[in-house]
Amino acid sequence: MNQRVSVLFVCMGNICRSPTAHAVFRKLVNEQGLADLIRIDSAGTHAYHVGNLPDERSMLTARQRGIEMADLRARKVEFSDLIEFDYVLAMDADNYANLVAIAPQDLKAKIEFFLQYAPQLKTQNVPDPYYGGAEGFEQVFDLVHAASLGLLADIRKRYLLD
């Protein structure tokens, strides 16, 4: 592979689900020595929290599992992201629809549900934990971790990183 593969995780506000996916996937990529080959970012379809840290509950859940994410800041997805990133991964059907709505026809195919990389979970939506309790953040972490493993395997296979 002579160029980096790029991955963008997208949720609504970019403070819970997508930064968790960003941090979990980044840790897996770093552990496998692939940080120079895979670019990782996250964004939201709405600009509610631009510039903010991830939700404290997301950071706590990640920290309890050995992952730091305090360096991440929320941003809104931009049209250029759809051009630049190889993988544009939506956390749920609403965000998928929002991304498809702004994408030109030739770029719609690169927008996918993140959980398609964990078909064993039999769901395509990572639920938004924002208004719930701690168990929602634990569930998000588990879903994101499973899909991150599948995504990394797909990137290795598709881009011959093995």
N, C-alpha and C. Protein backbone atom coordinates (compact mmCIF):
# COMPACT_ATOMS: atom_id res chain seq x y z
N MET A 1 0.86 -1.18 0.00
CA MET A 1 0.00 0.00 0.00
C MET A 1 0.89 1.23 0.00
N ASN A 2 0.66 2.13 -0.94
CA ASN A 2 1.52 3.31 -1.03
C ASN A 2 0.84 4.58 -0.54
N GLN A 3 -0.40 4.49 -0.14
CA GLN A 3 -1.05 5.66 0.43
C GLN A 3 -1.85 5.25 1.67
N ARG A 4 -2.12 6.23 2.49
CA ARG A 4 -2.86 5.94 3.71
C ARG A 4 -4.33 5.69 3.42
N VAL A 5 -4.91 4.82 4.21
CA VAL A 5 -6.35 4.58 4.18
C VAL A 5 -6.95 5.53 5.21
N SER A 6 -8.09 6.11 4.89
CA SER A 6 -8.69 7.08 5.82
C SER A 6 -10.09 6.64 6.23
N VAL A 7 -10.37 6.82 7.54
CA VAL A 7 -11.62 6.38 8.14
C VAL A 7 -12.24 7.55 8.90
N LEU A 8 -13.51 7.83 8.63
CA LEU A 8 -14.25 8.87 9.35
C LEU A 8 -15.47 8.23 10.01
N PHE A 9 -15.56 8.40 11.34
CA PHE A 9 -16.71 7.92 12.10
C PHE A 9 -17.65 9.10 12.31
N VAL A 10 -18.96 8.87 12.08
CA VAL A 10 -19.92 9.98 12.14
C VAL A 10 -21.13 9.61 13.00
N CYS A 11 -21.43 10.49 13.96
CA CYS A 11 -22.68 10.40 14.73
C CYS A 11 -23.35 11.77 14.66
N MET A 12 -24.22 12.08 15.57
CA MET A 12 -24.96 13.34 15.49
C MET A 12 -24.14 14.53 15.99
N GLY A 13 -23.71 14.50 17.25
CA GLY A 13 -23.02 15.65 17.82
C GLY A 13 -21.52 15.51 17.94
N ASN A 14 -21.00 14.31 17.65
CA ASN A 14 -19.57 14.03 17.73
C ASN A 14 -19.02 14.19 19.15
N ILE A 15 -19.83 13.76 20.16
CA ILE A 15 -19.32 13.79 21.52
C ILE A 15 -19.46 12.44 22.24
N CYS A 16 -20.23 11.51 21.69
CA CYS A 16 -20.40 10.21 22.35
C CYS A 16 -19.93 9.06 21.46
N ARG A 17 -20.73 8.71 20.48
CA ARG A 17 -20.47 7.51 19.69
C ARG A 17 -19.28 7.62 18.75
N SER A 18 -19.23 8.66 17.92
CA SER A 18 -18.13 8.71 16.96
C SER A 18 -16.76 8.96 17.60
N PRO A 19 -16.64 9.79 18.65
CA PRO A 19 -15.32 9.89 19.26
C PRO A 19 -14.92 8.61 19.99
N THR A 20 -15.91 7.87 20.52
CA THR A 20 -15.59 6.57 21.13
C THR A 20 -15.04 5.63 20.06
N ALA A 21 -15.71 5.58 18.91
CA ALA A 21 -15.22 4.75 17.80
C ALA A 21 -13.84 5.20 17.36
N HIS A 22 -13.64 6.49 17.25
CA HIS A 22 -12.35 7.07 16.86
C HIS A 22 -11.26 6.58 17.81
N ALA A 23 -11.50 6.71 19.12
CA ALA A 23 -10.49 6.35 20.12
C ALA A 23 -10.25 4.84 20.17
N VAL A 24 -11.31 4.05 20.12
CA VAL A 24 -11.16 2.59 20.15
C VAL A 24 -10.41 2.10 18.93
N PHE A 25 -10.81 2.59 17.76
CA PHE A 25 -10.16 2.15 16.52
C PHE A 25 -8.70 2.60 16.50
N ARG A 26 -8.44 3.81 16.95
CA ARG A 26 -7.07 4.33 17.00
C ARG A 26 -6.19 3.45 17.87
N LYS A 27 -6.72 3.00 19.02
CA LYS A 27 -5.93 2.13 19.90
C LYS A 27 -5.60 0.82 19.20
N LEU A 28 -6.57 0.22 18.54
CA LEU A 28 -6.33 -1.03 17.81
C LEU A 28 -5.30 -0.84 16.71
N VAL A 29 -5.43 0.25 15.97
CA VAL A 29 -4.50 0.55 14.88
C VAL A 29 -3.09 0.75 15.44
N ASN A 30 -2.97 1.49 16.53
CA ASN A 30 -1.66 1.72 17.15
C ASN A 30 -1.05 0.42 17.65
N GLU A 31 -1.87 -0.42 18.28
CA GLU A 31 -1.38 -1.69 18.81
C GLU A 31 -0.83 -2.60 17.71
N GLN A 32 -1.38 -2.46 16.51
CA GLN A 32 -0.93 -3.29 15.40
C GLN A 32 0.13 -2.60 14.54
N GLY A 33 0.61 -1.44 15.01
CA GLY A 33 1.69 -0.75 14.31
C GLY A 33 1.29 -0.17 12.96
N LEU A 34 0.03 0.21 12.83
CA LEU A 34 -0.47 0.69 11.53
C LEU A 34 -0.80 2.18 11.52
N ALA A 35 -0.38 2.91 12.55
CA ALA A 35 -0.75 4.32 12.66
C ALA A 35 -0.27 5.16 11.48
N ASP A 36 0.83 4.78 10.86
CA ASP A 36 1.32 5.53 9.71
C ASP A 36 0.54 5.24 8.44
N LEU A 37 -0.27 4.19 8.47
CA LEU A 37 -0.99 3.77 7.27
C LEU A 37 -2.48 4.08 7.29
N ILE A 38 -3.01 4.38 8.47
CA ILE A 38 -4.45 4.60 8.58
C ILE A 38 -4.72 5.94 9.26
N ARG A 39 -5.40 6.81 8.55
CA ARG A 39 -5.82 8.11 9.10
C ARG A 39 -7.21 7.94 9.70
N ILE A 40 -7.41 8.45 10.92
CA ILE A 40 -8.67 8.27 11.64
C ILE A 40 -9.19 9.63 12.09
N ASP A 41 -10.48 9.86 11.91
CA ASP A 41 -11.11 11.09 12.39
C ASP A 41 -12.56 10.78 12.73
N SER A 42 -13.22 11.75 13.34
CA SER A 42 -14.64 11.62 13.64
C SER A 42 -15.29 12.99 13.50
N ALA A 43 -16.61 12.97 13.27
CA ALA A 43 -17.36 14.21 13.06
C ALA A 43 -18.83 13.96 13.37
N GLY A 44 -19.58 15.04 13.43
CA GLY A 44 -21.01 14.95 13.66
C GLY A 44 -21.79 15.55 12.52
N THR A 45 -23.02 15.08 12.33
CA THR A 45 -23.86 15.64 11.28
C THR A 45 -24.49 16.96 11.71
N HIS A 46 -24.43 17.27 13.00
CA HIS A 46 -24.95 18.53 13.54
C HIS A 46 -23.83 19.28 14.26
N ALA A 47 -23.97 20.58 14.35
CA ALA A 47 -22.91 21.42 14.92
C ALA A 47 -23.16 21.79 16.38
N TYR A 48 -23.90 20.97 17.10
CA TYR A 48 -24.26 21.29 18.47
C TYR A 48 -23.08 21.52 19.40
N HIS A 49 -22.01 20.74 19.22
CA HIS A 49 -20.93 20.71 20.21
C HIS A 49 -19.56 21.02 19.63
N VAL A 50 -19.50 21.70 18.49
CA VAL A 50 -18.23 21.95 17.82
C VAL A 50 -17.20 22.52 18.79
N GLY A 51 -16.02 21.92 18.81
CA GLY A 51 -14.92 22.36 19.65
C GLY A 51 -14.90 21.75 21.04
N ASN A 52 -15.98 21.05 21.42
CA ASN A 52 -16.08 20.49 22.77
C ASN A 52 -15.34 19.15 22.88
N LEU A 53 -14.97 18.84 24.11
CA LEU A 53 -14.44 17.52 24.44
C LEU A 53 -15.55 16.48 24.26
N PRO A 54 -15.17 15.20 24.14
CA PRO A 54 -16.20 14.16 24.18
C PRO A 54 -16.95 14.21 25.52
N ASP A 55 -18.14 13.66 25.53
CA ASP A 55 -18.96 13.58 26.74
C ASP A 55 -18.14 12.93 27.86
N GLU A 56 -18.26 13.47 29.06
CA GLU A 56 -17.49 12.94 30.20
C GLU A 56 -17.76 11.46 30.43
N ARG A 57 -19.00 11.03 30.22
CA ARG A 57 -19.35 9.63 30.43
C ARG A 57 -18.68 8.73 29.39
N SER A 58 -18.55 9.23 28.16
CA SER A 58 -17.82 8.48 27.13
C SER A 58 -16.35 8.36 27.50
N MET A 59 -15.78 9.47 27.95
CA MET A 59 -14.36 9.46 28.32
C MET A 59 -14.11 8.53 29.51
N LEU A 60 -15.01 8.53 30.49
CA LEU A 60 -14.87 7.67 31.66
C LEU A 60 -14.94 6.20 31.26
N THR A 61 -15.91 5.86 30.44
CA THR A 61 -16.06 4.47 29.99
C THR A 61 -14.80 4.02 29.25
N ALA A 62 -14.30 4.86 28.36
CA ALA A 62 -13.09 4.51 27.61
C ALA A 62 -11.89 4.40 28.55
N ARG A 63 -11.75 5.35 29.45
CA ARG A 63 -10.61 5.34 30.38
C ARG A 63 -10.61 4.08 31.24
N GLN A 64 -11.79 3.63 31.65
CA GLN A 64 -11.89 2.41 32.45
C GLN A 64 -11.44 1.18 31.66
N ARG A 65 -11.37 1.32 30.34
CA ARG A 65 -10.94 0.22 29.49
C ARG A 65 -9.59 0.52 28.84
N GLY A 66 -8.88 1.48 29.42
CA GLY A 66 -7.51 1.75 28.98
C GLY A 66 -7.37 2.61 27.75
N ILE A 67 -8.39 3.40 27.44
CA ILE A 67 -8.34 4.25 26.24
C ILE A 67 -8.57 5.70 26.63
N GLU A 68 -7.67 6.56 26.17
CA GLU A 68 -7.82 8.00 26.40
C GLU A 68 -8.39 8.65 25.15
N MET A 69 -9.26 9.64 25.35
CA MET A 69 -9.84 10.34 24.20
C MET A 69 -9.99 11.83 24.46
N ALA A 70 -9.31 12.33 25.50
CA ALA A 70 -9.42 13.75 25.86
C ALA A 70 -8.77 14.67 24.84
N ASP A 71 -8.02 14.11 23.89
CA ASP A 71 -7.40 14.93 22.85
C ASP A 71 -8.37 15.20 21.70
N LEU A 72 -9.50 14.55 21.67
CA LEU A 72 -10.46 14.70 20.57
C LEU A 72 -11.38 15.90 20.83
N ARG A 73 -11.79 16.55 19.75
CA ARG A 73 -12.72 17.68 19.82
C ARG A 73 -13.80 17.50 18.76
N ALA A 74 -15.01 17.86 19.14
CA ALA A 74 -16.15 17.70 18.22
C ALA A 74 -16.01 18.66 17.04
N ARG A 75 -16.42 18.16 15.89
CA ARG A 75 -16.50 18.98 14.68
C ARG A 75 -17.66 18.50 13.84
N LYS A 76 -18.10 19.35 12.94
CA LYS A 76 -19.20 19.01 12.05
C LYS A 76 -18.63 18.41 10.77
N VAL A 77 -19.28 17.39 10.27
CA VAL A 77 -18.84 16.80 9.00
C VAL A 77 -18.95 17.85 7.90
N GLU A 78 -18.00 17.82 6.99
CA GLU A 78 -17.97 18.76 5.87
C GLU A 78 -18.09 17.99 4.56
N PHE A 79 -18.53 18.68 3.54
CA PHE A 79 -18.66 18.05 2.23
C PHE A 79 -17.33 17.44 1.79
N SER A 80 -16.23 18.14 2.06
CA SER A 80 -14.91 17.66 1.65
C SER A 80 -14.56 16.31 2.29
N ASP A 81 -15.12 16.05 3.48
CA ASP A 81 -14.88 14.76 4.13
C ASP A 81 -15.35 13.60 3.25
N LEU A 82 -16.46 13.81 2.57
CA LEU A 82 -17.01 12.75 1.72
C LEU A 82 -16.10 12.44 0.55
N ILE A 83 -15.32 13.41 0.13
CA ILE A 83 -14.36 13.22 -0.95
C ILE A 83 -13.08 12.60 -0.41
N GLU A 84 -12.60 13.11 0.71
CA GLU A 84 -11.27 12.75 1.23
C GLU A 84 -11.20 11.37 1.88
N PHE A 85 -12.24 10.95 2.58
CA PHE A 85 -12.16 9.72 3.36
C PHE A 85 -12.56 8.50 2.54
N ASP A 86 -11.82 7.40 2.74
CA ASP A 86 -12.12 6.14 2.06
C ASP A 86 -13.34 5.45 2.69
N TYR A 87 -13.44 5.54 4.01
CA TYR A 87 -14.56 4.97 4.76
C TYR A 87 -15.28 6.11 5.47
N VAL A 88 -16.58 6.25 5.23
CA VAL A 88 -17.41 7.22 5.95
C VAL A 88 -18.47 6.37 6.65
N LEU A 89 -18.33 6.25 7.98
CA LEU A 89 -19.08 5.26 8.74
C LEU A 89 -20.09 5.90 9.68
N ALA A 90 -21.36 5.70 9.38
CA ALA A 90 -22.45 6.28 10.17
C ALA A 90 -22.80 5.36 11.34
N MET A 91 -23.14 5.99 12.46
CA MET A 91 -23.49 5.23 13.66
C MET A 91 -24.92 4.73 13.67
N ASP A 92 -25.81 5.37 12.89
CA ASP A 92 -27.21 4.93 12.88
C ASP A 92 -27.90 5.40 11.60
N ALA A 93 -29.16 5.01 11.47
CA ALA A 93 -29.91 5.30 10.24
C ALA A 93 -30.11 6.79 10.01
N ASP A 94 -30.34 7.56 11.06
CA ASP A 94 -30.53 9.01 10.90
C ASP A 94 -29.27 9.67 10.36
N ASN A 95 -28.13 9.33 10.93
CA ASN A 95 -26.88 9.92 10.46
C ASN A 95 -26.49 9.42 9.08
N TYR A 96 -26.80 8.17 8.79
CA TYR A 96 -26.60 7.63 7.45
C TYR A 96 -27.40 8.46 6.43
N ALA A 97 -28.67 8.69 6.74
CA ALA A 97 -29.54 9.47 5.84
C ALA A 97 -29.02 10.91 5.69
N ASN A 98 -28.56 11.50 6.77
CA ASN A 98 -28.02 12.86 6.70
C ASN A 98 -26.78 12.92 5.80
N LEU A 99 -25.94 11.91 5.89
CA LEU A 99 -24.73 11.87 5.05
C LEU A 99 -25.08 11.65 3.58
N VAL A 100 -25.97 10.71 3.33
CA VAL A 100 -26.38 10.43 1.94
C VAL A 100 -27.03 11.66 1.31
N ALA A 101 -27.75 12.43 2.12
CA ALA A 101 -28.44 13.63 1.60
C ALA A 101 -27.47 14.69 1.10
N ILE A 102 -26.26 14.75 1.68
CA ILE A 102 -25.31 15.78 1.24
C ILE A 102 -24.29 15.25 0.24
N ALA A 103 -24.32 13.95 -0.01
CA ALA A 103 -23.32 13.34 -0.89
C ALA A 103 -23.77 13.35 -2.34
N PRO A 104 -22.86 13.70 -3.26
CA PRO A 104 -23.19 13.55 -4.67
C PRO A 104 -23.30 12.05 -5.02
N GLN A 105 -23.97 11.75 -6.09
CA GLN A 105 -24.27 10.37 -6.46
C GLN A 105 -23.03 9.48 -6.47
N ASP A 106 -21.93 9.97 -6.99
CA ASP A 106 -20.74 9.14 -7.12
C ASP A 106 -20.04 8.85 -5.79
N LEU A 107 -20.43 9.52 -4.73
CA LEU A 107 -19.80 9.28 -3.42
C LEU A 107 -20.72 8.56 -2.43
N LYS A 108 -21.98 8.37 -2.78
CA LYS A 108 -22.92 7.75 -1.85
C LYS A 108 -22.49 6.34 -1.44
N ALA A 109 -21.84 5.62 -2.33
CA ALA A 109 -21.46 4.22 -2.06
C ALA A 109 -20.43 4.09 -0.94
N LYS A 110 -19.65 5.12 -0.68
CA LYS A 110 -18.64 4.99 0.37
C LYS A 110 -19.21 5.24 1.76
N ILE A 111 -20.46 5.68 1.85
CA ILE A 111 -21.12 5.88 3.15
C ILE A 111 -21.72 4.55 3.58
N GLU A 112 -21.34 4.10 4.77
CA GLU A 112 -21.76 2.80 5.26
C GLU A 112 -22.18 2.90 6.72
N PHE A 113 -22.89 1.88 7.17
CA PHE A 113 -23.17 1.74 8.60
C PHE A 113 -21.93 1.11 9.23
N PHE A 114 -21.44 1.71 10.30
CA PHE A 114 -20.26 1.19 10.98
C PHE A 114 -20.47 -0.25 11.43
N LEU A 115 -21.66 -0.56 11.94
CA LEU A 115 -21.89 -1.89 12.48
C LEU A 115 -22.00 -2.99 11.42
N GLN A 116 -21.94 -2.63 10.15
CA GLN A 116 -21.89 -3.69 9.14
C GLN A 116 -20.59 -4.48 9.27
N TYR A 117 -19.61 -3.91 9.96
CA TYR A 117 -18.35 -4.61 10.19
C TYR A 117 -18.40 -5.54 11.40
N ALA A 118 -19.57 -5.65 11.99
CA ALA A 118 -19.81 -6.61 13.08
C ALA A 118 -21.16 -7.28 12.83
N PRO A 119 -21.27 -8.05 11.73
CA PRO A 119 -22.56 -8.64 11.37
C PRO A 119 -23.12 -9.57 12.44
N GLN A 120 -22.26 -10.11 13.28
CA GLN A 120 -22.71 -11.01 14.35
C GLN A 120 -23.61 -10.29 15.35
N LEU A 121 -23.55 -8.96 15.38
CA LEU A 121 -24.39 -8.19 16.32
C LEU A 121 -25.84 -8.09 15.86
N LYS A 122 -26.08 -8.32 14.57
CA LYS A 122 -27.43 -8.32 14.00
C LYS A 122 -28.17 -7.01 14.23
N THR A 123 -27.45 -5.89 14.17
CA THR A 123 -28.05 -4.56 14.23
C THR A 123 -27.18 -3.62 13.43
N GLN A 124 -27.79 -2.57 12.91
CA GLN A 124 -26.98 -1.59 12.18
C GLN A 124 -26.84 -0.28 12.93
N ASN A 125 -27.56 -0.12 14.02
CA ASN A 125 -27.55 1.15 14.74
C ASN A 125 -26.82 1.06 16.07
N VAL A 126 -25.87 1.98 16.26
CA VAL A 126 -25.26 2.18 17.57
C VAL A 126 -26.18 3.17 18.29
N PRO A 127 -26.85 2.77 19.36
CA PRO A 127 -27.80 3.67 20.02
C PRO A 127 -27.10 4.86 20.67
N ASP A 128 -27.76 5.99 20.63
CA ASP A 128 -27.20 7.21 21.23
C ASP A 128 -27.38 7.12 22.74
N PRO A 129 -26.29 7.13 23.51
CA PRO A 129 -26.39 6.97 24.96
C PRO A 129 -26.59 8.30 25.71
N TYR A 130 -26.65 9.40 24.99
CA TYR A 130 -26.59 10.73 25.60
C TYR A 130 -27.60 10.94 26.73
N TYR A 131 -28.84 10.53 26.53
CA TYR A 131 -29.88 10.80 27.52
C TYR A 131 -30.10 9.65 28.50
N GLY A 132 -29.26 8.61 28.42
CA GLY A 132 -29.44 7.46 29.29
C GLY A 132 -28.39 7.40 30.39
N GLY A 133 -28.30 6.24 31.01
CA GLY A 133 -27.36 6.03 32.09
C GLY A 133 -26.05 5.43 31.62
N ALA A 134 -25.22 5.07 32.58
CA ALA A 134 -23.88 4.55 32.30
C ALA A 134 -23.91 3.29 31.45
N GLU A 135 -24.95 2.46 31.61
CA GLU A 135 -25.01 1.21 30.85
C GLU A 135 -25.06 1.47 29.34
N GLY A 136 -25.65 2.59 28.93
CA GLY A 136 -25.68 2.93 27.51
C GLY A 136 -24.29 3.18 26.95
N PHE A 137 -23.44 3.80 27.73
CA PHE A 137 -22.07 4.07 27.29
C PHE A 137 -21.26 2.78 27.23
N GLU A 138 -21.53 1.87 28.15
CA GLU A 138 -20.88 0.55 28.13
C GLU A 138 -21.29 -0.20 26.86
N GLN A 139 -22.59 -0.15 26.55
CA GLN A 139 -23.09 -0.84 25.35
C GLN A 139 -22.46 -0.25 24.10
N VAL A 140 -22.39 1.07 24.02
CA VAL A 140 -21.77 1.73 22.86
C VAL A 140 -20.33 1.25 22.71
N PHE A 141 -19.60 1.24 23.81
CA PHE A 141 -18.21 0.81 23.76
C PHE A 141 -18.10 -0.61 23.21
N ASP A 142 -18.94 -1.52 23.71
CA ASP A 142 -18.90 -2.91 23.26
C ASP A 142 -19.22 -3.04 21.77
N LEU A 143 -20.25 -2.34 21.31
CA LEU A 143 -20.62 -2.37 19.90
C LEU A 143 -19.49 -1.82 19.03
N VAL A 144 -18.95 -0.70 19.44
CA VAL A 144 -17.89 -0.03 18.69
C VAL A 144 -16.63 -0.90 18.65
N HIS A 145 -16.32 -1.54 19.76
CA HIS A 145 -15.13 -2.39 19.78
C HIS A 145 -15.29 -3.56 18.80
N ALA A 146 -16.44 -4.20 18.81
CA ALA A 146 -16.69 -5.32 17.90
C ALA A 146 -16.58 -4.88 16.44
N ALA A 147 -17.18 -3.75 16.11
CA ALA A 147 -17.14 -3.26 14.73
C ALA A 147 -15.73 -2.80 14.35
N SER A 148 -14.99 -2.26 15.30
CA SER A 148 -13.61 -1.82 15.03
C SER A 148 -12.73 -3.00 14.64
N LEU A 149 -12.91 -4.12 15.32
CA LEU A 149 -12.14 -5.32 14.97
C LEU A 149 -12.46 -5.75 13.54
N GLY A 150 -13.74 -5.76 13.19
CA GLY A 150 -14.14 -6.13 11.83
C GLY A 150 -13.66 -5.15 10.79
N LEU A 151 -13.72 -3.86 11.11
CA LEU A 151 -13.24 -2.84 10.18
C LEU A 151 -11.75 -2.98 9.93
N LEU A 152 -10.99 -3.20 10.96
CA LEU A 152 -9.55 -3.34 10.79
C LEU A 152 -9.22 -4.58 9.96
N ALA A 153 -9.95 -5.65 10.17
CA ALA A 153 -9.76 -6.85 9.35
C ALA A 153 -10.09 -6.55 7.88
N ASP A 154 -11.15 -5.79 7.63
CA ASP A 154 -11.53 -5.43 6.27
C ASP A 154 -10.45 -4.57 5.61
N ILE A 155 -9.94 -3.60 6.34
CA ILE A 155 -8.89 -2.74 5.79
C ILE A 155 -7.65 -3.56 5.47
N ARG A 156 -7.28 -4.46 6.36
CA ARG A 156 -6.11 -5.31 6.11
C ARG A 156 -6.32 -6.15 4.84
N LYS A 157 -7.49 -6.71 4.69
CA LYS A 157 -7.79 -7.56 3.53
C LYS A 157 -7.85 -6.73 2.25
N ARG A 158 -8.58 -5.61 2.30
CA ARG A 158 -8.82 -4.80 1.12
C ARG A 158 -7.56 -4.08 0.65
N TYR A 159 -6.73 -3.67 1.58
CA TYR A 159 -5.55 -2.89 1.24
C TYR A 159 -4.24 -3.66 1.43
N LEU A 160 -4.38 -4.98 1.61
CA LEU A 160 -3.21 -5.87 1.68
C LEU A 160 -2.18 -5.41 2.70
N LEU A 161 -2.65 -5.13 3.89
CA LEU A 161 -1.72 -4.70 4.94
C LEU A 161 -1.06 -5.89 5.63
N ASP A 162 -1.54 -7.09 5.38
CA ASP A 162 -0.96 -8.27 6.05
C ASP A 162 0.29 -8.73 5.34
